[in-house]
Amino acid sequence: MKIISTTLASVCLLSLTACDTLQNWNSSYLSGGDYLSNDDGMVIDCYGDLIGTNPNTVSAAERFWQANNLPKGTANFVCKDSKAYLPNKVTDCRGNLIAKQPGGITQFKLNNDFPRYEDGEMVRYTMFNCQGSNVIPVDYTNK
């Protein structure tokens, strides 16, 4: 009887430990995790994915900033050809700084038919690819 009690106690203890480990391992995934945000809401990267943050490890945000040579903490950027740029450093498909053009980023988006939300509001993020000198807006709203 003592062997059965010890075995049952061991199984219960291992089960609780495994559940606790799985809960801790998966808690950020299940809860949605922490994500980079700005005044417009959660921030997506140049591939349409939310940028996760984690103060205990090297986060997706840290890797994103490093890969794109952006200052740590940057949440406002423009994606051109899948690379992120500060809004005042990005060029159009002809090599001209967008920020120096009349109307800046907002007018650039209007001139190049960037997607809009159903209520007519312009998509908050700016992502585009170049085909020669043509601007091709990227829309991840239906991803």
N, C-alpha and C. Protein backbone atom coordinates (compact mmCIF):
# COMPACT_ATOMS: atom_id res chain seq x y z
N MET A 1 0.82 -1.18 0.00
CA MET A 1 0.00 0.00 0.00
C MET A 1 0.87 1.26 0.00
N LYS A 2 2.00 1.19 0.71
CA LYS A 2 2.89 2.34 0.78
C LYS A 2 3.46 2.65 -0.61
N ILE A 3 3.75 1.62 -1.40
CA ILE A 3 4.29 1.81 -2.75
C ILE A 3 3.25 2.51 -3.64
N ILE A 4 2.01 2.10 -3.52
CA ILE A 4 0.94 2.71 -4.32
C ILE A 4 0.76 4.18 -3.93
N SER A 5 0.78 4.47 -2.63
CA SER A 5 0.64 5.85 -2.16
C SER A 5 1.79 6.71 -2.65
N THR A 6 2.99 6.18 -2.58
CA THR A 6 4.17 6.92 -3.03
C THR A 6 4.10 7.16 -4.54
N THR A 7 3.70 6.16 -5.27
CA THR A 7 3.57 6.28 -6.72
C THR A 7 2.52 7.32 -7.08
N LEU A 8 1.36 7.25 -6.44
CA LEU A 8 0.30 8.22 -6.70
C LEU A 8 0.75 9.64 -6.34
N ALA A 9 1.43 9.79 -5.23
CA ALA A 9 1.91 11.11 -4.81
C ALA A 9 2.92 11.65 -5.82
N SER A 10 3.80 10.76 -6.32
CA SER A 10 4.80 11.17 -7.30
C SER A 10 4.15 11.61 -8.61
N VAL A 11 3.18 10.83 -9.06
CA VAL A 11 2.48 11.16 -10.29
C VAL A 11 1.75 12.49 -10.16
N CYS A 12 1.08 12.69 -9.03
CA CYS A 12 0.37 13.96 -8.80
C CYS A 12 1.35 15.13 -8.76
N LEU A 13 2.46 14.93 -8.08
CA LEU A 13 3.45 16.00 -7.97
C LEU A 13 4.05 16.33 -9.33
N LEU A 14 4.40 15.32 -10.11
CA LEU A 14 4.94 15.53 -11.45
C LEU A 14 3.91 16.21 -12.35
N SER A 15 2.66 15.82 -12.23
CA SER A 15 1.61 16.43 -13.05
C SER A 15 1.47 17.91 -12.74
N LEU A 16 1.48 18.24 -11.46
CA LEU A 16 1.36 19.64 -11.08
C LEU A 16 2.56 20.45 -11.55
N THR A 17 3.74 19.86 -11.43
CA THR A 17 4.95 20.55 -11.88
C THR A 17 4.91 20.75 -13.38
N ALA A 18 4.51 19.73 -14.12
CA ALA A 18 4.44 19.83 -15.58
C ALA A 18 3.40 20.88 -15.99
N CYS A 19 2.27 20.88 -15.33
CA CYS A 19 1.23 21.86 -15.67
C CYS A 19 1.71 23.27 -15.38
N ASP A 20 2.40 23.44 -14.24
CA ASP A 20 2.90 24.77 -13.91
C ASP A 20 3.95 25.21 -14.92
N THR A 21 4.83 24.29 -15.32
CA THR A 21 5.86 24.63 -16.30
C THR A 21 5.23 24.98 -17.64
N LEU A 22 4.26 24.20 -18.08
CA LEU A 22 3.59 24.49 -19.34
C LEU A 22 2.83 25.80 -19.26
N GLN A 23 2.21 26.07 -18.11
CA GLN A 23 1.48 27.32 -17.97
C GLN A 23 2.44 28.49 -18.08
N ASN A 24 3.57 28.43 -17.41
CA ASN A 24 4.54 29.53 -17.48
C ASN A 24 5.13 29.65 -18.86
N TRP A 25 5.42 28.53 -19.50
CA TRP A 25 6.02 28.55 -20.84
C TRP A 25 5.07 29.15 -21.86
N ASN A 26 3.78 28.90 -21.68
CA ASN A 26 2.79 29.28 -22.69
C ASN A 26 1.96 30.48 -22.28
N SER A 27 2.20 31.07 -21.12
CA SER A 27 1.30 32.10 -20.62
C SER A 27 1.26 33.33 -21.52
N SER A 28 2.39 33.76 -22.07
CA SER A 28 2.36 34.95 -22.91
C SER A 28 1.63 34.66 -24.21
N TYR A 29 1.75 33.44 -24.71
CA TYR A 29 1.03 33.09 -25.94
C TYR A 29 -0.47 33.07 -25.68
N LEU A 30 -0.87 32.46 -24.57
CA LEU A 30 -2.29 32.34 -24.27
C LEU A 30 -2.92 33.68 -23.93
N SER A 31 -2.17 34.55 -23.27
CA SER A 31 -2.73 35.83 -22.87
C SER A 31 -2.61 36.88 -23.95
N GLY A 32 -1.96 36.55 -25.06
CA GLY A 32 -1.77 37.52 -26.12
C GLY A 32 -0.43 38.22 -26.02
N GLY A 33 0.25 38.08 -24.88
CA GLY A 33 1.57 38.66 -24.72
C GLY A 33 1.53 40.17 -24.67
N ASP A 34 2.71 40.76 -24.61
CA ASP A 34 2.85 42.20 -24.64
C ASP A 34 3.32 42.59 -26.02
N TYR A 35 2.76 43.66 -26.54
CA TYR A 35 3.10 44.08 -27.89
C TYR A 35 3.46 45.55 -27.91
N LEU A 36 4.32 45.89 -28.85
CA LEU A 36 4.71 47.27 -29.06
C LEU A 36 3.48 48.05 -29.52
N SER A 37 3.29 49.25 -28.98
CA SER A 37 2.14 50.04 -29.40
C SER A 37 2.53 51.51 -29.50
N ASN A 38 1.69 52.24 -30.21
CA ASN A 38 1.85 53.69 -30.32
C ASN A 38 0.46 54.32 -30.17
N ASP A 39 0.33 55.58 -30.52
CA ASP A 39 -0.97 56.27 -30.36
C ASP A 39 -2.08 55.63 -31.19
N ASP A 40 -1.71 54.90 -32.24
CA ASP A 40 -2.71 54.29 -33.12
C ASP A 40 -3.06 52.87 -32.72
N GLY A 41 -2.41 52.32 -31.71
CA GLY A 41 -2.67 50.95 -31.29
C GLY A 41 -1.44 50.08 -31.40
N MET A 42 -1.66 48.76 -31.53
CA MET A 42 -0.54 47.83 -31.62
C MET A 42 0.18 48.01 -32.95
N VAL A 43 1.50 47.80 -32.90
CA VAL A 43 2.35 48.04 -34.06
C VAL A 43 2.67 46.72 -34.75
N ILE A 44 2.60 46.73 -36.09
CA ILE A 44 2.97 45.55 -36.86
C ILE A 44 4.29 45.80 -37.57
N ASP A 45 5.02 44.72 -37.82
CA ASP A 45 6.30 44.84 -38.52
C ASP A 45 6.07 44.90 -40.03
N CYS A 46 7.12 44.85 -40.78
CA CYS A 46 7.03 44.99 -42.24
C CYS A 46 6.49 43.75 -42.94
N TYR A 47 6.14 42.73 -42.15
CA TYR A 47 5.55 41.52 -42.71
C TYR A 47 4.12 41.31 -42.23
N GLY A 48 3.57 42.30 -41.52
CA GLY A 48 2.19 42.23 -41.07
C GLY A 48 1.99 41.55 -39.74
N ASP A 49 3.06 41.27 -39.00
CA ASP A 49 2.95 40.59 -37.71
C ASP A 49 3.09 41.60 -36.57
N LEU A 50 2.34 41.36 -35.48
CA LEU A 50 2.47 42.20 -34.31
C LEU A 50 3.88 42.06 -33.75
N ILE A 51 4.43 43.15 -33.25
CA ILE A 51 5.78 43.14 -32.70
C ILE A 51 5.69 42.93 -31.20
N GLY A 52 6.12 41.75 -30.75
CA GLY A 52 6.06 41.40 -29.34
C GLY A 52 7.19 42.00 -28.54
N THR A 53 6.91 42.24 -27.26
CA THR A 53 7.93 42.73 -26.34
C THR A 53 7.98 41.79 -25.15
N ASN A 54 9.15 41.63 -24.58
CA ASN A 54 9.34 40.80 -23.41
C ASN A 54 10.53 41.34 -22.64
N PRO A 55 10.31 41.89 -21.45
CA PRO A 55 11.41 42.49 -20.71
C PRO A 55 12.44 41.48 -20.22
N ASN A 56 12.10 40.19 -20.19
CA ASN A 56 13.00 39.18 -19.64
C ASN A 56 13.90 38.52 -20.68
N THR A 57 13.62 38.71 -21.96
CA THR A 57 14.44 38.10 -23.00
C THR A 57 14.62 39.10 -24.14
N VAL A 58 15.42 38.71 -25.12
CA VAL A 58 15.53 39.53 -26.32
C VAL A 58 14.21 39.37 -27.06
N SER A 59 13.47 40.43 -27.16
CA SER A 59 12.12 40.35 -27.72
C SER A 59 12.14 40.54 -29.23
N ALA A 60 10.98 40.30 -29.83
CA ALA A 60 10.83 40.54 -31.27
C ALA A 60 11.06 42.02 -31.56
N ALA A 61 10.65 42.89 -30.63
CA ALA A 61 10.86 44.32 -30.82
C ALA A 61 12.36 44.64 -30.87
N GLU A 62 13.11 44.06 -29.94
CA GLU A 62 14.57 44.28 -29.92
C GLU A 62 15.20 43.82 -31.23
N ARG A 63 14.81 42.64 -31.69
CA ARG A 63 15.37 42.11 -32.94
C ARG A 63 14.96 42.98 -34.13
N PHE A 64 13.72 43.47 -34.11
CA PHE A 64 13.22 44.33 -35.18
C PHE A 64 14.04 45.62 -35.24
N TRP A 65 14.24 46.27 -34.08
CA TRP A 65 15.01 47.52 -34.05
C TRP A 65 16.44 47.31 -34.52
N GLN A 66 17.06 46.21 -34.07
CA GLN A 66 18.44 45.92 -34.48
C GLN A 66 18.52 45.64 -35.98
N ALA A 67 17.62 44.81 -36.48
CA ALA A 67 17.67 44.42 -37.89
C ALA A 67 17.44 45.61 -38.82
N ASN A 68 16.71 46.61 -38.35
CA ASN A 68 16.38 47.76 -39.19
C ASN A 68 17.16 49.02 -38.83
N ASN A 69 18.14 48.88 -37.93
CA ASN A 69 18.95 50.04 -37.52
C ASN A 69 18.10 51.17 -36.97
N LEU A 70 17.09 50.84 -36.19
CA LEU A 70 16.20 51.85 -35.61
C LEU A 70 16.56 52.06 -34.14
N PRO A 71 16.36 53.27 -33.64
CA PRO A 71 16.58 53.50 -32.21
C PRO A 71 15.64 52.63 -31.38
N LYS A 72 16.16 52.12 -30.26
CA LYS A 72 15.33 51.31 -29.37
C LYS A 72 14.11 52.11 -28.94
N GLY A 73 12.94 51.50 -29.01
CA GLY A 73 11.71 52.15 -28.62
C GLY A 73 10.91 52.71 -29.79
N THR A 74 11.48 52.68 -30.99
CA THR A 74 10.78 53.21 -32.16
C THR A 74 9.49 52.43 -32.42
N ALA A 75 8.37 53.15 -32.48
CA ALA A 75 7.08 52.53 -32.78
C ALA A 75 6.45 53.17 -34.01
N ASN A 76 7.05 54.23 -34.53
CA ASN A 76 6.55 54.89 -35.73
C ASN A 76 7.63 54.79 -36.80
N PHE A 77 7.29 54.08 -37.86
CA PHE A 77 8.25 53.86 -38.94
C PHE A 77 7.49 53.62 -40.22
N VAL A 78 8.21 53.62 -41.33
CA VAL A 78 7.65 53.35 -42.65
C VAL A 78 8.36 52.13 -43.21
N CYS A 79 7.60 51.19 -43.75
CA CYS A 79 8.20 50.00 -44.36
C CYS A 79 8.25 50.17 -45.87
N LYS A 80 9.45 50.06 -46.40
CA LYS A 80 9.66 50.12 -47.84
C LYS A 80 10.44 48.88 -48.23
N ASP A 81 9.91 48.10 -49.15
CA ASP A 81 10.56 46.87 -49.58
C ASP A 81 10.96 45.99 -48.39
N SER A 82 10.05 45.84 -47.43
CA SER A 82 10.20 44.99 -46.24
C SER A 82 11.28 45.43 -45.27
N LYS A 83 11.73 46.66 -45.36
CA LYS A 83 12.70 47.21 -44.41
C LYS A 83 12.08 48.45 -43.78
N ALA A 84 12.29 48.63 -42.47
CA ALA A 84 11.71 49.76 -41.75
C ALA A 84 12.66 50.95 -41.72
N TYR A 85 12.08 52.13 -41.87
CA TYR A 85 12.83 53.39 -41.85
C TYR A 85 12.11 54.38 -40.94
N LEU A 86 12.87 55.29 -40.36
CA LEU A 86 12.24 56.40 -39.66
C LEU A 86 11.48 57.22 -40.69
N PRO A 87 10.33 57.77 -40.33
CA PRO A 87 9.53 58.52 -41.31
C PRO A 87 10.27 59.67 -42.00
N ASN A 88 11.22 60.28 -41.32
CA ASN A 88 11.95 61.39 -41.94
C ASN A 88 13.16 60.92 -42.74
N LYS A 89 13.38 59.60 -42.83
CA LYS A 89 14.54 59.06 -43.56
C LYS A 89 14.15 58.22 -44.78
N VAL A 90 12.87 57.94 -44.96
CA VAL A 90 12.45 57.05 -46.05
C VAL A 90 12.32 57.84 -47.35
N THR A 91 12.70 57.16 -48.44
CA THR A 91 12.58 57.77 -49.76
C THR A 91 11.47 57.08 -50.54
N ASP A 92 10.95 57.78 -51.53
CA ASP A 92 9.97 57.17 -52.43
C ASP A 92 10.73 56.26 -53.39
N CYS A 93 10.06 55.76 -54.40
CA CYS A 93 10.69 54.82 -55.33
C CYS A 93 11.61 55.51 -56.35
N ARG A 94 11.72 56.82 -56.24
CA ARG A 94 12.63 57.58 -57.12
C ARG A 94 13.80 58.14 -56.33
N GLY A 95 13.88 57.79 -55.04
CA GLY A 95 14.99 58.24 -54.21
C GLY A 95 14.81 59.59 -53.55
N ASN A 96 13.60 60.16 -53.60
CA ASN A 96 13.33 61.45 -52.97
C ASN A 96 12.78 61.25 -51.56
N LEU A 97 13.30 62.02 -50.60
CA LEU A 97 12.79 61.93 -49.23
C LEU A 97 11.30 62.29 -49.21
N ILE A 98 10.50 61.41 -48.67
CA ILE A 98 9.06 61.64 -48.63
C ILE A 98 8.74 62.80 -47.69
N ALA A 99 9.44 62.90 -46.57
CA ALA A 99 9.17 63.95 -45.59
C ALA A 99 9.36 65.34 -46.16
N LYS A 100 10.20 65.49 -47.18
CA LYS A 100 10.44 66.81 -47.77
C LYS A 100 9.46 67.15 -48.89
N GLN A 101 8.63 66.20 -49.26
CA GLN A 101 7.64 66.45 -50.31
C GLN A 101 6.44 67.18 -49.70
N PRO A 102 5.73 68.00 -50.49
CA PRO A 102 4.56 68.69 -49.96
C PRO A 102 3.55 67.69 -49.39
N GLY A 103 3.14 67.91 -48.15
CA GLY A 103 2.18 67.03 -47.49
C GLY A 103 2.79 65.83 -46.80
N GLY A 104 4.08 65.58 -47.01
CA GLY A 104 4.78 64.50 -46.33
C GLY A 104 4.16 63.12 -46.56
N ILE A 105 4.21 62.30 -45.51
CA ILE A 105 3.73 60.91 -45.58
C ILE A 105 2.24 60.86 -45.90
N THR A 106 1.45 61.72 -45.29
CA THR A 106 0.00 61.70 -45.52
C THR A 106 -0.33 61.92 -46.99
N GLN A 107 0.27 62.91 -47.61
CA GLN A 107 0.00 63.18 -49.02
C GLN A 107 0.56 62.07 -49.90
N PHE A 108 1.71 61.52 -49.52
CA PHE A 108 2.31 60.40 -50.25
C PHE A 108 1.33 59.22 -50.29
N LYS A 109 0.70 58.93 -49.15
CA LYS A 109 -0.27 57.84 -49.09
C LYS A 109 -1.49 58.13 -49.96
N LEU A 110 -1.95 59.35 -49.93
CA LEU A 110 -3.10 59.72 -50.76
C LEU A 110 -2.76 59.65 -52.25
N ASN A 111 -1.59 60.15 -52.61
CA ASN A 111 -1.17 60.16 -54.02
C ASN A 111 -0.97 58.76 -54.58
N ASN A 112 -0.68 57.80 -53.71
CA ASN A 112 -0.36 56.45 -54.17
C ASN A 112 -1.42 55.42 -53.82
N ASP A 113 -2.64 55.87 -53.53
CA ASP A 113 -3.78 54.99 -53.29
C ASP A 113 -3.55 53.92 -52.22
N PHE A 114 -3.01 54.36 -51.08
CA PHE A 114 -2.86 53.42 -49.98
C PHE A 114 -4.23 52.98 -49.50
N PRO A 115 -4.34 51.77 -48.96
CA PRO A 115 -5.65 51.26 -48.53
C PRO A 115 -6.27 52.13 -47.44
N ARG A 116 -7.60 52.09 -47.37
CA ARG A 116 -8.36 52.80 -46.35
C ARG A 116 -9.22 51.80 -45.62
N TYR A 117 -9.58 52.14 -44.39
CA TYR A 117 -10.55 51.33 -43.66
C TYR A 117 -11.93 51.59 -44.23
N GLU A 118 -12.89 50.77 -43.86
CA GLU A 118 -14.24 50.91 -44.40
C GLU A 118 -14.85 52.27 -44.10
N ASP A 119 -14.50 52.86 -42.96
CA ASP A 119 -15.09 54.15 -42.61
C ASP A 119 -14.37 55.32 -43.30
N GLY A 120 -13.46 55.01 -44.23
CA GLY A 120 -12.76 56.04 -44.98
C GLY A 120 -11.46 56.49 -44.36
N GLU A 121 -11.15 56.00 -43.15
CA GLU A 121 -9.92 56.39 -42.49
C GLU A 121 -8.72 55.72 -43.16
N MET A 122 -7.66 56.47 -43.36
CA MET A 122 -6.46 55.95 -43.99
C MET A 122 -5.80 54.90 -43.07
N VAL A 123 -5.26 53.85 -43.66
CA VAL A 123 -4.54 52.84 -42.90
C VAL A 123 -3.41 53.55 -42.16
N ARG A 124 -3.26 53.25 -40.88
CA ARG A 124 -2.32 53.99 -40.04
C ARG A 124 -0.87 53.65 -40.34
N TYR A 125 -0.59 52.46 -40.76
CA TYR A 125 0.80 52.11 -41.05
C TYR A 125 1.10 52.40 -42.51
N THR A 126 2.36 52.60 -42.80
CA THR A 126 2.77 52.88 -44.17
C THR A 126 3.75 51.81 -44.61
N MET A 127 3.32 50.98 -45.56
CA MET A 127 4.16 49.92 -46.11
C MET A 127 4.00 49.94 -47.61
N PHE A 128 5.14 49.89 -48.29
CA PHE A 128 5.06 49.83 -49.75
C PHE A 128 6.29 49.15 -50.32
N ASN A 129 6.12 48.67 -51.52
CA ASN A 129 7.21 48.10 -52.29
C ASN A 129 7.39 48.94 -53.54
N CYS A 130 8.57 48.85 -54.11
CA CYS A 130 8.84 49.57 -55.35
C CYS A 130 8.96 48.58 -56.50
N GLN A 131 8.31 48.92 -57.58
CA GLN A 131 8.51 48.21 -58.85
C GLN A 131 9.00 49.27 -59.81
N GLY A 132 10.31 49.32 -59.97
CA GLY A 132 10.90 50.42 -60.72
C GLY A 132 10.65 51.70 -59.94
N SER A 133 10.03 52.67 -60.57
CA SER A 133 9.72 53.93 -59.87
C SER A 133 8.27 53.96 -59.38
N ASN A 134 7.55 52.84 -59.51
CA ASN A 134 6.15 52.78 -59.08
C ASN A 134 6.02 52.32 -57.63
N VAL A 135 5.14 53.00 -56.91
CA VAL A 135 4.84 52.65 -55.52
C VAL A 135 3.71 51.63 -55.50
N ILE A 136 3.93 50.50 -54.81
CA ILE A 136 2.90 49.47 -54.65
C ILE A 136 2.59 49.36 -53.16
N PRO A 137 1.45 49.92 -52.70
CA PRO A 137 1.10 49.84 -51.29
C PRO A 137 0.90 48.39 -50.84
N VAL A 138 1.22 48.11 -49.60
CA VAL A 138 1.04 46.78 -49.02
C VAL A 138 -0.09 46.88 -48.01
N ASP A 139 -1.06 45.98 -48.10
CA ASP A 139 -2.20 45.98 -47.20
C ASP A 139 -2.23 44.67 -46.43
N TYR A 140 -1.99 44.74 -45.11
CA TYR A 140 -2.03 43.55 -44.27
C TYR A 140 -3.31 43.48 -43.44
N THR A 141 -4.31 44.31 -43.74
CA THR A 141 -5.51 44.34 -42.93
C THR A 141 -6.28 43.02 -42.99
N ASN A 142 -6.14 42.25 -44.04
CA ASN A 142 -6.88 41.00 -44.17
C ASN A 142 -6.01 39.78 -43.93
N LYS A 143 -4.87 39.98 -43.28
CA LYS A 143 -3.94 38.87 -43.06
C LYS A 143 -4.52 37.87 -42.09
